[in-house]
Amino acid sequence: MPLYIRREDASYLANALPALVLVSTDPIERLPVFQLDAGRPLPCEGWQILAGLTASVVDGPGDCGIFVEGIAHPKEAEERFAWLEAVNHAGGAVVLVVNSHSAVDDWAALADGEKAWGGFVPAVQRTG
């Protein structure tokens, strides 16, 4: 059964690689511990992201997945469109699941301390 993440527990970061940071104390089945290789997040094999304005879905193997609420107000649209464009340009996003609302700007510390789950998740290719 997919995990449901409220918009208050989701952050959209536009770094060199766009990131979706989710706060949840619930375990995410089959989502790997966050690791880096030469400073870059390892891919999450078997996972893909369908990033959207009103909702995003991070789909994993089998019945695993995460449903993330999207924007609630039109004033949020411009910033989210910029993030969606970054996801499109990068071909995906780094998805991080952490257990608190603390800062996540130090990926090396997250990886060293095994304080996060996730990695790079390729985007679903849209047609039409």
N, C-alpha and C. Protein backbone atom coordinates (compact mmCIF):
# COMPACT_ATOMS: atom_id res chain seq x y z
N MET A 1 0.84 -1.18 0.00
CA MET A 1 0.00 0.00 0.00
C MET A 1 0.89 1.25 0.00
N PRO A 2 0.63 2.20 -0.88
CA PRO A 2 1.47 3.40 -0.94
C PRO A 2 1.37 4.24 0.33
N LEU A 3 2.45 4.89 0.65
CA LEU A 3 2.50 5.81 1.77
C LEU A 3 1.95 7.15 1.30
N TYR A 4 1.18 7.81 2.13
CA TYR A 4 0.59 9.11 1.82
C TYR A 4 1.37 10.19 2.57
N ILE A 5 1.88 11.18 1.84
CA ILE A 5 2.64 12.28 2.44
C ILE A 5 1.87 13.58 2.22
N ARG A 6 1.56 14.27 3.31
CA ARG A 6 0.87 15.56 3.24
C ARG A 6 1.83 16.63 2.69
N ARG A 7 1.28 17.65 2.07
CA ARG A 7 2.11 18.71 1.47
C ARG A 7 3.00 19.38 2.52
N GLU A 8 2.58 19.42 3.77
CA GLU A 8 3.39 20.02 4.83
C GLU A 8 4.66 19.22 5.11
N ASP A 9 4.68 17.96 4.71
CA ASP A 9 5.82 17.08 4.94
C ASP A 9 6.63 16.83 3.68
N ALA A 10 6.47 17.71 2.70
CA ALA A 10 7.22 17.59 1.44
C ALA A 10 7.91 18.91 1.12
N SER A 11 9.17 18.82 0.74
CA SER A 11 9.93 19.99 0.31
C SER A 11 10.49 19.72 -1.08
N TYR A 12 10.47 20.74 -1.90
CA TYR A 12 10.94 20.63 -3.28
C TYR A 12 12.16 21.53 -3.42
N LEU A 13 13.33 20.92 -3.59
CA LEU A 13 14.57 21.67 -3.65
C LEU A 13 15.10 21.68 -5.07
N ALA A 14 15.51 22.85 -5.52
CA ALA A 14 16.05 22.99 -6.87
C ALA A 14 17.56 23.19 -6.78
N ASN A 15 18.28 22.11 -6.49
CA ASN A 15 19.74 22.12 -6.46
C ASN A 15 20.25 21.75 -7.84
N ALA A 16 21.52 21.40 -7.94
CA ALA A 16 22.06 20.91 -9.21
C ALA A 16 21.22 19.73 -9.70
N LEU A 17 20.83 18.88 -8.78
CA LEU A 17 19.85 17.84 -9.06
C LEU A 17 18.60 18.20 -8.25
N PRO A 18 17.42 18.25 -8.88
CA PRO A 18 16.23 18.57 -8.10
C PRO A 18 15.99 17.47 -7.06
N ALA A 19 15.46 17.87 -5.91
CA ALA A 19 15.22 16.91 -4.85
C ALA A 19 13.81 17.06 -4.29
N LEU A 20 13.24 15.94 -3.92
CA LEU A 20 11.95 15.89 -3.23
C LEU A 20 12.26 15.29 -1.86
N VAL A 21 12.13 16.11 -0.82
CA VAL A 21 12.43 15.66 0.53
C VAL A 21 11.12 15.42 1.25
N LEU A 22 10.96 14.19 1.75
CA LEU A 22 9.72 13.78 2.40
C LEU A 22 10.01 13.43 3.85
N VAL A 23 9.14 13.88 4.74
CA VAL A 23 9.28 13.56 6.15
C VAL A 23 8.26 12.50 6.51
N SER A 24 8.77 11.37 7.01
CA SER A 24 7.90 10.27 7.43
C SER A 24 8.64 9.40 8.43
N THR A 25 7.94 9.03 9.48
CA THR A 25 8.52 8.08 10.42
C THR A 25 8.13 6.65 10.04
N ASP A 26 7.23 6.50 9.08
CA ASP A 26 6.86 5.17 8.59
C ASP A 26 7.94 4.64 7.66
N PRO A 27 8.27 3.38 7.78
CA PRO A 27 9.28 2.82 6.87
C PRO A 27 8.73 2.73 5.45
N ILE A 28 9.61 2.92 4.49
CA ILE A 28 9.24 2.81 3.08
C ILE A 28 9.82 1.49 2.58
N GLU A 29 8.98 0.52 2.41
CA GLU A 29 9.43 -0.80 1.99
C GLU A 29 10.17 -0.73 0.66
N ARG A 30 11.31 -1.37 0.61
CA ARG A 30 12.16 -1.51 -0.59
C ARG A 30 12.85 -0.24 -1.04
N LEU A 31 12.72 0.86 -0.31
CA LEU A 31 13.46 2.07 -0.64
C LEU A 31 14.83 1.94 0.02
N PRO A 32 15.91 2.05 -0.75
CA PRO A 32 17.23 1.81 -0.18
C PRO A 32 17.69 2.92 0.76
N VAL A 33 18.64 2.58 1.62
CA VAL A 33 19.31 3.59 2.44
C VAL A 33 20.02 4.53 1.48
N PHE A 34 19.93 5.82 1.74
CA PHE A 34 20.55 6.84 0.89
C PHE A 34 22.06 6.70 0.92
N GLN A 35 22.67 6.60 -0.27
CA GLN A 35 24.11 6.46 -0.40
C GLN A 35 24.60 7.33 -1.55
N LEU A 36 25.87 7.70 -1.45
CA LEU A 36 26.50 8.51 -2.49
C LEU A 36 27.63 7.73 -3.14
N ASP A 37 27.87 8.04 -4.41
CA ASP A 37 29.03 7.52 -5.13
C ASP A 37 29.70 8.72 -5.78
N ALA A 38 30.88 9.06 -5.30
CA ALA A 38 31.61 10.25 -5.79
C ALA A 38 30.74 11.50 -5.65
N GLY A 39 30.00 11.59 -4.55
CA GLY A 39 29.20 12.77 -4.27
C GLY A 39 27.83 12.80 -4.92
N ARG A 40 27.51 11.80 -5.73
CA ARG A 40 26.21 11.77 -6.41
C ARG A 40 25.35 10.67 -5.81
N PRO A 41 24.05 10.93 -5.63
CA PRO A 41 23.16 9.91 -5.08
C PRO A 41 23.08 8.69 -6.00
N LEU A 42 23.10 7.52 -5.39
CA LEU A 42 22.92 6.29 -6.15
C LEU A 42 21.48 6.19 -6.64
N PRO A 43 21.25 5.53 -7.77
CA PRO A 43 19.88 5.38 -8.27
C PRO A 43 19.07 4.41 -7.40
N CYS A 44 17.79 4.62 -7.38
CA CYS A 44 16.86 3.71 -6.70
C CYS A 44 16.32 2.76 -7.76
N GLU A 45 16.92 1.59 -7.82
CA GLU A 45 16.52 0.59 -8.82
C GLU A 45 15.06 0.18 -8.62
N GLY A 46 14.31 0.16 -9.70
CA GLY A 46 12.92 -0.26 -9.65
C GLY A 46 11.93 0.81 -9.25
N TRP A 47 12.41 2.03 -9.04
CA TRP A 47 11.56 3.15 -8.66
C TRP A 47 11.49 4.16 -9.79
N GLN A 48 10.38 4.91 -9.87
CA GLN A 48 10.23 5.99 -10.83
C GLN A 48 9.32 7.05 -10.23
N ILE A 49 9.48 8.28 -10.71
CA ILE A 49 8.67 9.38 -10.19
C ILE A 49 7.82 9.97 -11.31
N LEU A 50 6.58 10.20 -10.98
CA LEU A 50 5.66 10.94 -11.84
C LEU A 50 5.41 12.24 -11.10
N ALA A 51 6.17 13.27 -11.44
CA ALA A 51 6.10 14.55 -10.75
C ALA A 51 4.98 15.38 -11.36
N GLY A 52 4.20 16.00 -10.48
CA GLY A 52 3.09 16.79 -10.96
C GLY A 52 2.84 18.02 -10.12
N LEU A 53 1.96 18.86 -10.59
CA LEU A 53 1.61 20.10 -9.92
C LEU A 53 0.69 19.84 -8.72
N THR A 54 -0.33 19.04 -8.92
CA THR A 54 -1.30 18.80 -7.86
C THR A 54 -1.02 17.55 -7.04
N ALA A 55 -0.13 16.69 -7.53
CA ALA A 55 0.28 15.49 -6.80
C ALA A 55 1.49 14.91 -7.50
N SER A 56 2.29 14.19 -6.75
CA SER A 56 3.41 13.44 -7.31
C SER A 56 3.33 12.02 -6.78
N VAL A 57 3.76 11.08 -7.60
CA VAL A 57 3.76 9.68 -7.20
C VAL A 57 5.17 9.14 -7.40
N VAL A 58 5.70 8.52 -6.37
CA VAL A 58 6.97 7.83 -6.44
C VAL A 58 6.62 6.35 -6.39
N ASP A 59 6.74 5.70 -7.53
CA ASP A 59 6.28 4.32 -7.68
C ASP A 59 7.46 3.37 -7.55
N GLY A 60 7.29 2.39 -6.68
CA GLY A 60 8.34 1.41 -6.45
C GLY A 60 7.94 0.03 -6.93
N PRO A 61 8.78 -0.94 -6.64
CA PRO A 61 8.50 -2.31 -7.06
C PRO A 61 7.28 -2.88 -6.32
N GLY A 62 6.54 -3.70 -7.01
CA GLY A 62 5.36 -4.32 -6.39
C GLY A 62 4.34 -3.27 -5.98
N ASP A 63 3.88 -3.40 -4.76
CA ASP A 63 2.88 -2.46 -4.23
C ASP A 63 3.50 -1.28 -3.50
N CYS A 64 4.80 -1.13 -3.57
CA CYS A 64 5.49 -0.05 -2.85
C CYS A 64 5.30 1.26 -3.60
N GLY A 65 5.15 2.32 -2.83
CA GLY A 65 5.04 3.62 -3.46
C GLY A 65 4.74 4.71 -2.46
N ILE A 66 4.80 5.94 -2.95
CA ILE A 66 4.55 7.12 -2.13
C ILE A 66 3.68 8.08 -2.93
N PHE A 67 2.59 8.53 -2.33
CA PHE A 67 1.73 9.55 -2.93
C PHE A 67 1.97 10.84 -2.17
N VAL A 68 2.32 11.91 -2.90
CA VAL A 68 2.65 13.19 -2.27
C VAL A 68 1.66 14.25 -2.73
N GLU A 69 1.00 14.88 -1.76
CA GLU A 69 0.09 15.98 -2.09
C GLU A 69 0.85 17.10 -2.79
N GLY A 70 0.19 17.76 -3.72
CA GLY A 70 0.80 18.86 -4.46
C GLY A 70 0.43 20.21 -3.89
N ILE A 71 0.43 21.21 -4.76
CA ILE A 71 0.17 22.57 -4.30
C ILE A 71 -1.28 22.73 -3.84
N ALA A 72 -1.45 23.69 -2.95
CA ALA A 72 -2.79 23.98 -2.43
C ALA A 72 -3.31 25.33 -2.92
N HIS A 73 -2.39 26.21 -3.34
CA HIS A 73 -2.77 27.55 -3.73
C HIS A 73 -2.10 27.94 -5.05
N PRO A 74 -2.79 28.69 -5.90
CA PRO A 74 -2.20 29.11 -7.17
C PRO A 74 -0.89 29.87 -7.02
N LYS A 75 -0.69 30.55 -5.88
CA LYS A 75 0.54 31.31 -5.68
C LYS A 75 1.77 30.41 -5.62
N GLU A 76 1.58 29.12 -5.39
CA GLU A 76 2.68 28.16 -5.34
C GLU A 76 3.06 27.62 -6.72
N ALA A 77 2.25 27.90 -7.72
CA ALA A 77 2.42 27.28 -9.04
C ALA A 77 3.73 27.64 -9.73
N GLU A 78 4.13 28.90 -9.70
CA GLU A 78 5.34 29.31 -10.42
C GLU A 78 6.58 28.56 -9.90
N GLU A 79 6.71 28.49 -8.59
CA GLU A 79 7.85 27.78 -8.00
C GLU A 79 7.81 26.28 -8.34
N ARG A 80 6.63 25.70 -8.29
CA ARG A 80 6.52 24.27 -8.59
C ARG A 80 6.78 23.98 -10.07
N PHE A 81 6.31 24.86 -10.96
CA PHE A 81 6.61 24.69 -12.38
C PHE A 81 8.12 24.71 -12.62
N ALA A 82 8.84 25.59 -11.92
CA ALA A 82 10.30 25.64 -12.06
C ALA A 82 10.91 24.31 -11.60
N TRP A 83 10.41 23.75 -10.50
CA TRP A 83 10.92 22.47 -10.01
C TRP A 83 10.60 21.35 -11.01
N LEU A 84 9.41 21.36 -11.55
CA LEU A 84 9.02 20.34 -12.53
C LEU A 84 9.90 20.42 -13.78
N GLU A 85 10.24 21.62 -14.20
CA GLU A 85 11.13 21.79 -15.35
C GLU A 85 12.52 21.24 -15.03
N ALA A 86 12.98 21.46 -13.80
CA ALA A 86 14.28 20.92 -13.39
C ALA A 86 14.26 19.40 -13.38
N VAL A 87 13.16 18.80 -12.94
CA VAL A 87 13.01 17.34 -12.96
C VAL A 87 13.05 16.84 -14.40
N ASN A 88 12.35 17.53 -15.27
CA ASN A 88 12.33 17.14 -16.68
C ASN A 88 13.73 17.23 -17.28
N HIS A 89 14.43 18.31 -16.98
CA HIS A 89 15.78 18.51 -17.51
C HIS A 89 16.76 17.45 -16.98
N ALA A 90 16.65 17.09 -15.70
CA ALA A 90 17.55 16.12 -15.08
C ALA A 90 17.15 14.67 -15.38
N GLY A 91 15.93 14.48 -15.88
CA GLY A 91 15.46 13.13 -16.14
C GLY A 91 15.00 12.40 -14.90
N GLY A 92 14.77 13.15 -13.82
CA GLY A 92 14.32 12.57 -12.56
C GLY A 92 14.65 13.48 -11.41
N ALA A 93 14.56 12.95 -10.20
CA ALA A 93 14.83 13.74 -9.00
C ALA A 93 15.43 12.86 -7.92
N VAL A 94 16.14 13.48 -7.03
CA VAL A 94 16.60 12.79 -5.84
C VAL A 94 15.41 12.76 -4.87
N VAL A 95 15.02 11.59 -4.46
CA VAL A 95 13.95 11.45 -3.48
C VAL A 95 14.60 11.04 -2.17
N LEU A 96 14.38 11.85 -1.14
CA LEU A 96 14.92 11.58 0.18
C LEU A 96 13.77 11.46 1.18
N VAL A 97 13.78 10.41 1.96
CA VAL A 97 12.82 10.26 3.04
C VAL A 97 13.60 10.34 4.34
N VAL A 98 13.24 11.32 5.16
CA VAL A 98 13.88 11.54 6.45
C VAL A 98 12.82 11.49 7.54
N ASN A 99 13.24 11.38 8.79
CA ASN A 99 12.24 11.24 9.85
C ASN A 99 11.97 12.51 10.63
N SER A 100 12.55 13.65 10.20
CA SER A 100 12.26 14.91 10.87
C SER A 100 12.40 16.06 9.88
N HIS A 101 11.96 17.23 10.30
CA HIS A 101 12.01 18.42 9.44
C HIS A 101 13.35 19.14 9.54
N SER A 102 14.41 18.45 9.88
CA SER A 102 15.72 19.07 9.99
C SER A 102 16.30 19.35 8.60
N ALA A 103 17.36 20.13 8.55
CA ALA A 103 17.99 20.50 7.28
C ALA A 103 18.56 19.27 6.57
N VAL A 104 18.48 19.28 5.25
CA VAL A 104 18.98 18.16 4.44
C VAL A 104 19.97 18.64 3.39
N ASP A 105 20.67 19.72 3.69
CA ASP A 105 21.58 20.28 2.70
C ASP A 105 22.94 19.57 2.66
N ASP A 106 23.24 18.73 3.63
CA ASP A 106 24.50 18.01 3.67
C ASP A 106 24.25 16.54 3.34
N TRP A 107 24.29 16.22 2.04
CA TRP A 107 23.99 14.85 1.61
C TRP A 107 25.01 13.86 2.15
N ALA A 108 26.26 14.28 2.27
CA ALA A 108 27.29 13.36 2.78
C ALA A 108 26.98 12.95 4.21
N ALA A 109 26.54 13.88 5.04
CA ALA A 109 26.19 13.56 6.42
C ALA A 109 25.00 12.62 6.48
N LEU A 110 24.03 12.84 5.61
CA LEU A 110 22.86 11.94 5.56
C LEU A 110 23.28 10.53 5.17
N ALA A 111 24.17 10.44 4.18
CA ALA A 111 24.61 9.13 3.71
C ALA A 111 25.49 8.44 4.75
N ASP A 112 26.41 9.19 5.37
CA ASP A 112 27.31 8.60 6.36
C ASP A 112 26.56 8.11 7.59
N GLY A 113 25.56 8.85 8.00
CA GLY A 113 24.83 8.49 9.20
C GLY A 113 23.64 7.59 8.95
N GLU A 114 23.46 7.19 7.70
CA GLU A 114 22.28 6.40 7.33
C GLU A 114 21.02 7.01 7.93
N LYS A 115 20.88 8.33 7.73
CA LYS A 115 19.77 9.08 8.30
C LYS A 115 18.65 9.32 7.29
N ALA A 116 18.78 8.76 6.09
CA ALA A 116 17.78 8.98 5.05
C ALA A 116 17.69 7.75 4.17
N TRP A 117 16.59 7.65 3.48
CA TRP A 117 16.37 6.59 2.50
C TRP A 117 16.09 7.24 1.17
N GLY A 118 16.46 6.58 0.10
CA GLY A 118 16.18 7.11 -1.22
C GLY A 118 17.42 7.18 -2.08
N GLY A 119 17.35 8.04 -3.08
CA GLY A 119 18.40 8.22 -4.05
C GLY A 119 17.81 8.86 -5.29
N PHE A 120 18.53 8.74 -6.41
CA PHE A 120 18.02 9.32 -7.66
C PHE A 120 16.94 8.41 -8.23
N VAL A 121 15.80 9.00 -8.54
CA VAL A 121 14.66 8.27 -9.10
C VAL A 121 14.35 8.85 -10.47
N PRO A 122 14.43 8.03 -11.52
CA PRO A 122 14.15 8.54 -12.86
C PRO A 122 12.68 8.93 -13.02
N ALA A 123 12.45 9.93 -13.86
CA ALA A 123 11.09 10.40 -14.11
C ALA A 123 10.40 9.52 -15.14
N VAL A 124 9.10 9.36 -14.97
CA VAL A 124 8.28 8.68 -15.98
C VAL A 124 8.29 9.56 -17.21
N GLN A 125 8.58 8.97 -18.34
CA GLN A 125 8.60 9.73 -19.59
C GLN A 125 7.16 9.91 -20.08
N ARG A 126 6.75 11.14 -20.21
CA ARG A 126 5.39 11.47 -20.67
C ARG A 126 5.40 11.58 -22.19
N THR A 127 4.32 11.18 -22.79
CA THR A 127 4.18 11.30 -24.24
C THR A 127 3.02 12.23 -24.53
N GLY A 128 3.10 12.87 -25.70
CA GLY A 128 1.99 13.70 -26.15
C GLY A 128 2.01 15.06 -25.73
